[in-house]
Amino acid sequence: MVSAEFEAAAASIKDLTVRPSDLELLQLYGLFKQATVGDNDTPKPGLLDFKGKAKWEAWNKLQGVSQEDAEKQYIELVNEIKQKYSS
């Protein structure tokens, strides 16, 4: 079950006026998927799907992290990013 704090963090990250780095976006994606879905059991994207492959790998490296821990890490990362990019 996703917490209200997690939902608020997910909504607030969309309000940034500055785009986070690709690495930060991949970390957010992986943690979001791990928190909401759990371990990645989808097939790895094809060789030429660079974006899909990067997203898959960001999620897959979180195998074994509990959904609750992923949720906490996601909230922490969102707060760090918001602080870093707030003007």
N, C-alpha and C. Protein backbone atom coordinates (compact mmCIF):
# COMPACT_ATOMS: atom_id res chain seq x y z
N MET A 1 0.85 -1.19 0.00
CA MET A 1 0.00 0.00 0.00
C MET A 1 0.88 1.24 0.00
N VAL A 2 0.55 2.15 -0.85
CA VAL A 2 1.32 3.39 -1.01
C VAL A 2 0.82 4.42 0.00
N SER A 3 1.76 5.07 0.68
CA SER A 3 1.39 6.06 1.69
C SER A 3 1.02 7.40 1.06
N ALA A 4 0.34 8.21 1.84
CA ALA A 4 -0.04 9.55 1.38
C ALA A 4 1.21 10.40 1.15
N GLU A 5 2.22 10.20 2.01
CA GLU A 5 3.47 10.95 1.86
C GLU A 5 4.16 10.62 0.53
N PHE A 6 4.11 9.34 0.15
CA PHE A 6 4.69 8.90 -1.12
C PHE A 6 3.93 9.53 -2.28
N GLU A 7 2.61 9.50 -2.22
CA GLU A 7 1.79 10.10 -3.28
C GLU A 7 2.05 11.60 -3.41
N ALA A 8 2.22 12.26 -2.27
CA ALA A 8 2.50 13.70 -2.28
C ALA A 8 3.87 13.98 -2.90
N ALA A 9 4.85 13.13 -2.57
CA ALA A 9 6.19 13.30 -3.14
C ALA A 9 6.16 13.09 -4.65
N ALA A 10 5.43 12.06 -5.10
CA ALA A 10 5.34 11.77 -6.53
C ALA A 10 4.66 12.92 -7.27
N ALA A 11 3.66 13.53 -6.65
CA ALA A 11 2.97 14.66 -7.29
C ALA A 11 3.86 15.90 -7.28
N SER A 12 4.58 16.13 -6.20
CA SER A 12 5.36 17.36 -6.07
C SER A 12 6.57 17.39 -7.00
N ILE A 13 7.12 16.23 -7.32
CA ILE A 13 8.31 16.20 -8.18
C ILE A 13 7.96 16.68 -9.59
N LYS A 14 6.71 16.57 -9.96
CA LYS A 14 6.27 17.01 -11.29
C LYS A 14 6.19 18.54 -11.39
N ASP A 15 6.23 19.21 -10.24
CA ASP A 15 6.10 20.67 -10.22
C ASP A 15 7.43 21.41 -10.32
N LEU A 16 8.54 20.67 -10.44
CA LEU A 16 9.84 21.33 -10.55
C LEU A 16 9.91 22.17 -11.82
N THR A 17 10.58 23.31 -11.71
CA THR A 17 10.75 24.15 -12.90
C THR A 17 12.03 23.79 -13.64
N VAL A 18 12.94 23.08 -12.96
CA VAL A 18 14.20 22.64 -13.55
C VAL A 18 14.15 21.13 -13.68
N ARG A 19 14.58 20.63 -14.83
CA ARG A 19 14.56 19.18 -15.06
C ARG A 19 15.74 18.54 -14.32
N PRO A 20 15.46 17.51 -13.48
CA PRO A 20 16.56 16.80 -12.83
C PRO A 20 17.45 16.11 -13.87
N SER A 21 18.64 15.70 -13.44
CA SER A 21 19.56 15.01 -14.35
C SER A 21 18.98 13.66 -14.76
N ASP A 22 19.51 13.11 -15.84
CA ASP A 22 19.05 11.79 -16.30
C ASP A 22 19.25 10.74 -15.21
N LEU A 23 20.37 10.81 -14.51
CA LEU A 23 20.64 9.86 -13.44
C LEU A 23 19.60 9.96 -12.33
N GLU A 24 19.26 11.19 -11.95
CA GLU A 24 18.24 11.40 -10.92
C GLU A 24 16.89 10.89 -11.39
N LEU A 25 16.56 11.13 -12.65
CA LEU A 25 15.28 10.65 -13.18
C LEU A 25 15.23 9.13 -13.19
N LEU A 26 16.34 8.49 -13.54
CA LEU A 26 16.38 7.02 -13.52
C LEU A 26 16.25 6.48 -12.09
N GLN A 27 16.89 7.14 -11.14
CA GLN A 27 16.76 6.72 -9.75
C GLN A 27 15.32 6.86 -9.28
N LEU A 28 14.69 7.98 -9.63
CA LEU A 28 13.28 8.19 -9.27
C LEU A 28 12.41 7.11 -9.89
N TYR A 29 12.65 6.82 -11.16
CA TYR A 29 11.86 5.81 -11.87
C TYR A 29 11.99 4.45 -11.18
N GLY A 30 13.23 4.03 -10.93
CA GLY A 30 13.46 2.72 -10.33
C GLY A 30 12.81 2.61 -8.96
N LEU A 31 12.99 3.62 -8.14
CA LEU A 31 12.40 3.60 -6.80
C LEU A 31 10.87 3.63 -6.86
N PHE A 32 10.32 4.41 -7.79
CA PHE A 32 8.87 4.49 -7.94
C PHE A 32 8.31 3.12 -8.31
N LYS A 33 8.93 2.48 -9.31
CA LYS A 33 8.45 1.17 -9.75
C LYS A 33 8.60 0.13 -8.64
N GLN A 34 9.73 0.16 -7.92
CA GLN A 34 9.95 -0.80 -6.85
C GLN A 34 8.93 -0.60 -5.74
N ALA A 35 8.61 0.67 -5.43
CA ALA A 35 7.65 0.98 -4.37
C ALA A 35 6.23 0.61 -4.75
N THR A 36 5.89 0.77 -6.01
CA THR A 36 4.50 0.54 -6.42
C THR A 36 4.24 -0.86 -6.97
N VAL A 37 5.25 -1.49 -7.57
CA VAL A 37 5.06 -2.80 -8.20
C VAL A 37 5.81 -3.90 -7.46
N GLY A 38 7.00 -3.58 -6.97
CA GLY A 38 7.85 -4.59 -6.35
C GLY A 38 8.95 -4.99 -7.32
N ASP A 39 9.52 -6.18 -7.11
CA ASP A 39 10.63 -6.64 -7.95
C ASP A 39 10.26 -6.69 -9.42
N ASN A 40 11.23 -6.34 -10.25
CA ASN A 40 11.06 -6.33 -11.70
C ASN A 40 11.05 -7.77 -12.21
N ASP A 41 9.95 -8.16 -12.85
CA ASP A 41 9.90 -9.49 -13.46
C ASP A 41 9.56 -9.39 -14.95
N THR A 42 9.78 -8.21 -15.50
CA THR A 42 9.51 -8.01 -16.92
C THR A 42 10.75 -8.37 -17.74
N PRO A 43 10.57 -8.79 -18.99
CA PRO A 43 11.73 -9.11 -19.82
C PRO A 43 12.55 -7.86 -20.14
N LYS A 44 13.85 -8.04 -20.27
CA LYS A 44 14.75 -6.92 -20.58
C LYS A 44 14.46 -6.42 -21.99
N PRO A 45 14.35 -5.10 -22.17
CA PRO A 45 14.11 -4.54 -23.51
C PRO A 45 15.23 -4.89 -24.49
N GLY A 46 14.91 -4.78 -25.75
CA GLY A 46 15.87 -5.09 -26.80
C GLY A 46 17.08 -4.17 -26.81
N LEU A 47 18.10 -4.60 -27.53
CA LEU A 47 19.38 -3.91 -27.58
C LEU A 47 19.27 -2.46 -28.05
N LEU A 48 18.35 -2.17 -28.97
CA LEU A 48 18.26 -0.83 -29.53
C LEU A 48 17.31 0.09 -28.76
N ASP A 49 16.64 -0.45 -27.75
CA ASP A 49 15.74 0.36 -26.92
C ASP A 49 16.55 0.90 -25.75
N PHE A 50 17.36 1.94 -26.02
CA PHE A 50 18.28 2.46 -25.01
C PHE A 50 17.55 3.04 -23.81
N LYS A 51 16.50 3.81 -24.05
CA LYS A 51 15.75 4.42 -22.95
C LYS A 51 15.05 3.34 -22.11
N GLY A 52 14.39 2.41 -22.79
CA GLY A 52 13.70 1.33 -22.08
C GLY A 52 14.67 0.48 -21.28
N LYS A 53 15.83 0.23 -21.87
CA LYS A 53 16.85 -0.59 -21.20
C LYS A 53 17.38 0.12 -19.95
N ALA A 54 17.63 1.42 -20.05
CA ALA A 54 18.13 2.19 -18.90
C ALA A 54 17.10 2.19 -17.77
N LYS A 55 15.83 2.36 -18.12
CA LYS A 55 14.77 2.36 -17.11
C LYS A 55 14.64 0.97 -16.49
N TRP A 56 14.72 -0.06 -17.31
CA TRP A 56 14.61 -1.44 -16.83
C TRP A 56 15.75 -1.74 -15.85
N GLU A 57 16.97 -1.32 -16.21
CA GLU A 57 18.12 -1.57 -15.35
C GLU A 57 18.04 -0.78 -14.04
N ALA A 58 17.53 0.45 -14.09
CA ALA A 58 17.38 1.26 -12.88
C ALA A 58 16.42 0.58 -11.91
N TRP A 59 15.38 -0.04 -12.44
CA TRP A 59 14.40 -0.75 -11.61
C TRP A 59 14.97 -2.09 -11.16
N ASN A 60 15.60 -2.80 -12.08
CA ASN A 60 16.07 -4.16 -11.80
C ASN A 60 17.15 -4.20 -10.73
N LYS A 61 17.97 -3.14 -10.64
CA LYS A 61 19.04 -3.16 -9.64
C LYS A 61 18.50 -3.01 -8.22
N LEU A 62 17.22 -2.75 -8.09
CA LEU A 62 16.59 -2.63 -6.77
C LEU A 62 15.93 -3.95 -6.33
N GLN A 63 16.22 -5.04 -7.04
CA GLN A 63 15.67 -6.36 -6.68
C GLN A 63 15.91 -6.62 -5.21
N GLY A 64 14.88 -7.09 -4.52
CA GLY A 64 15.03 -7.46 -3.12
C GLY A 64 14.78 -6.32 -2.14
N VAL A 65 14.73 -5.08 -2.62
CA VAL A 65 14.41 -3.95 -1.75
C VAL A 65 12.90 -3.99 -1.50
N SER A 66 12.51 -3.92 -0.24
CA SER A 66 11.08 -3.99 0.06
C SER A 66 10.37 -2.75 -0.50
N GLN A 67 9.09 -2.90 -0.75
CA GLN A 67 8.33 -1.78 -1.29
C GLN A 67 8.32 -0.62 -0.29
N GLU A 68 8.29 -0.92 1.00
CA GLU A 68 8.30 0.12 2.03
C GLU A 68 9.64 0.88 2.02
N ASP A 69 10.75 0.14 1.91
CA ASP A 69 12.06 0.80 1.86
C ASP A 69 12.20 1.64 0.60
N ALA A 70 11.73 1.12 -0.53
CA ALA A 70 11.80 1.87 -1.78
C ALA A 70 10.98 3.15 -1.67
N GLU A 71 9.84 3.06 -1.01
CA GLU A 71 8.99 4.22 -0.82
C GLU A 71 9.72 5.28 0.01
N LYS A 72 10.37 4.87 1.08
CA LYS A 72 11.12 5.80 1.93
C LYS A 72 12.27 6.44 1.15
N GLN A 73 13.00 5.61 0.40
CA GLN A 73 14.13 6.13 -0.39
C GLN A 73 13.64 7.10 -1.46
N TYR A 74 12.49 6.81 -2.05
CA TYR A 74 11.91 7.69 -3.07
C TYR A 74 11.59 9.05 -2.46
N ILE A 75 10.94 9.05 -1.31
CA ILE A 75 10.56 10.30 -0.64
C ILE A 75 11.81 11.11 -0.30
N GLU A 76 12.85 10.43 0.22
CA GLU A 76 14.11 11.11 0.54
C GLU A 76 14.74 11.73 -0.71
N LEU A 77 14.75 10.96 -1.81
CA LEU A 77 15.35 11.45 -3.05
C LEU A 77 14.56 12.64 -3.60
N VAL A 78 13.24 12.57 -3.55
CA VAL A 78 12.41 13.69 -4.01
C VAL A 78 12.74 14.94 -3.19
N ASN A 79 12.85 14.79 -1.88
CA ASN A 79 13.17 15.94 -1.03
C ASN A 79 14.55 16.52 -1.35
N GLU A 80 15.53 15.64 -1.59
CA GLU A 80 16.87 16.10 -1.96
C GLU A 80 16.84 16.87 -3.29
N ILE A 81 16.14 16.32 -4.26
CA ILE A 81 16.06 16.95 -5.59
C ILE A 81 15.34 18.29 -5.51
N LYS A 82 14.25 18.33 -4.75
CA LYS A 82 13.50 19.59 -4.61
C LYS A 82 14.38 20.65 -3.96
N GLN A 83 15.14 20.25 -2.96
CA GLN A 83 16.03 21.21 -2.28
C GLN A 83 17.14 21.67 -3.23
N LYS A 84 17.68 20.74 -3.99
CA LYS A 84 18.78 21.05 -4.92
C LYS A 84 18.33 22.02 -6.01
N TYR A 85 17.12 21.83 -6.53
CA TYR A 85 16.67 22.63 -7.68
C TYR A 85 15.74 23.78 -7.32
N SER A 86 15.45 23.96 -6.04
CA SER A 86 14.58 25.09 -5.69
C SER A 86 15.40 26.37 -5.75
N SER A 87 14.75 27.41 -6.21
CA SER A 87 15.50 28.66 -6.38
C SER A 87 15.36 29.57 -5.20
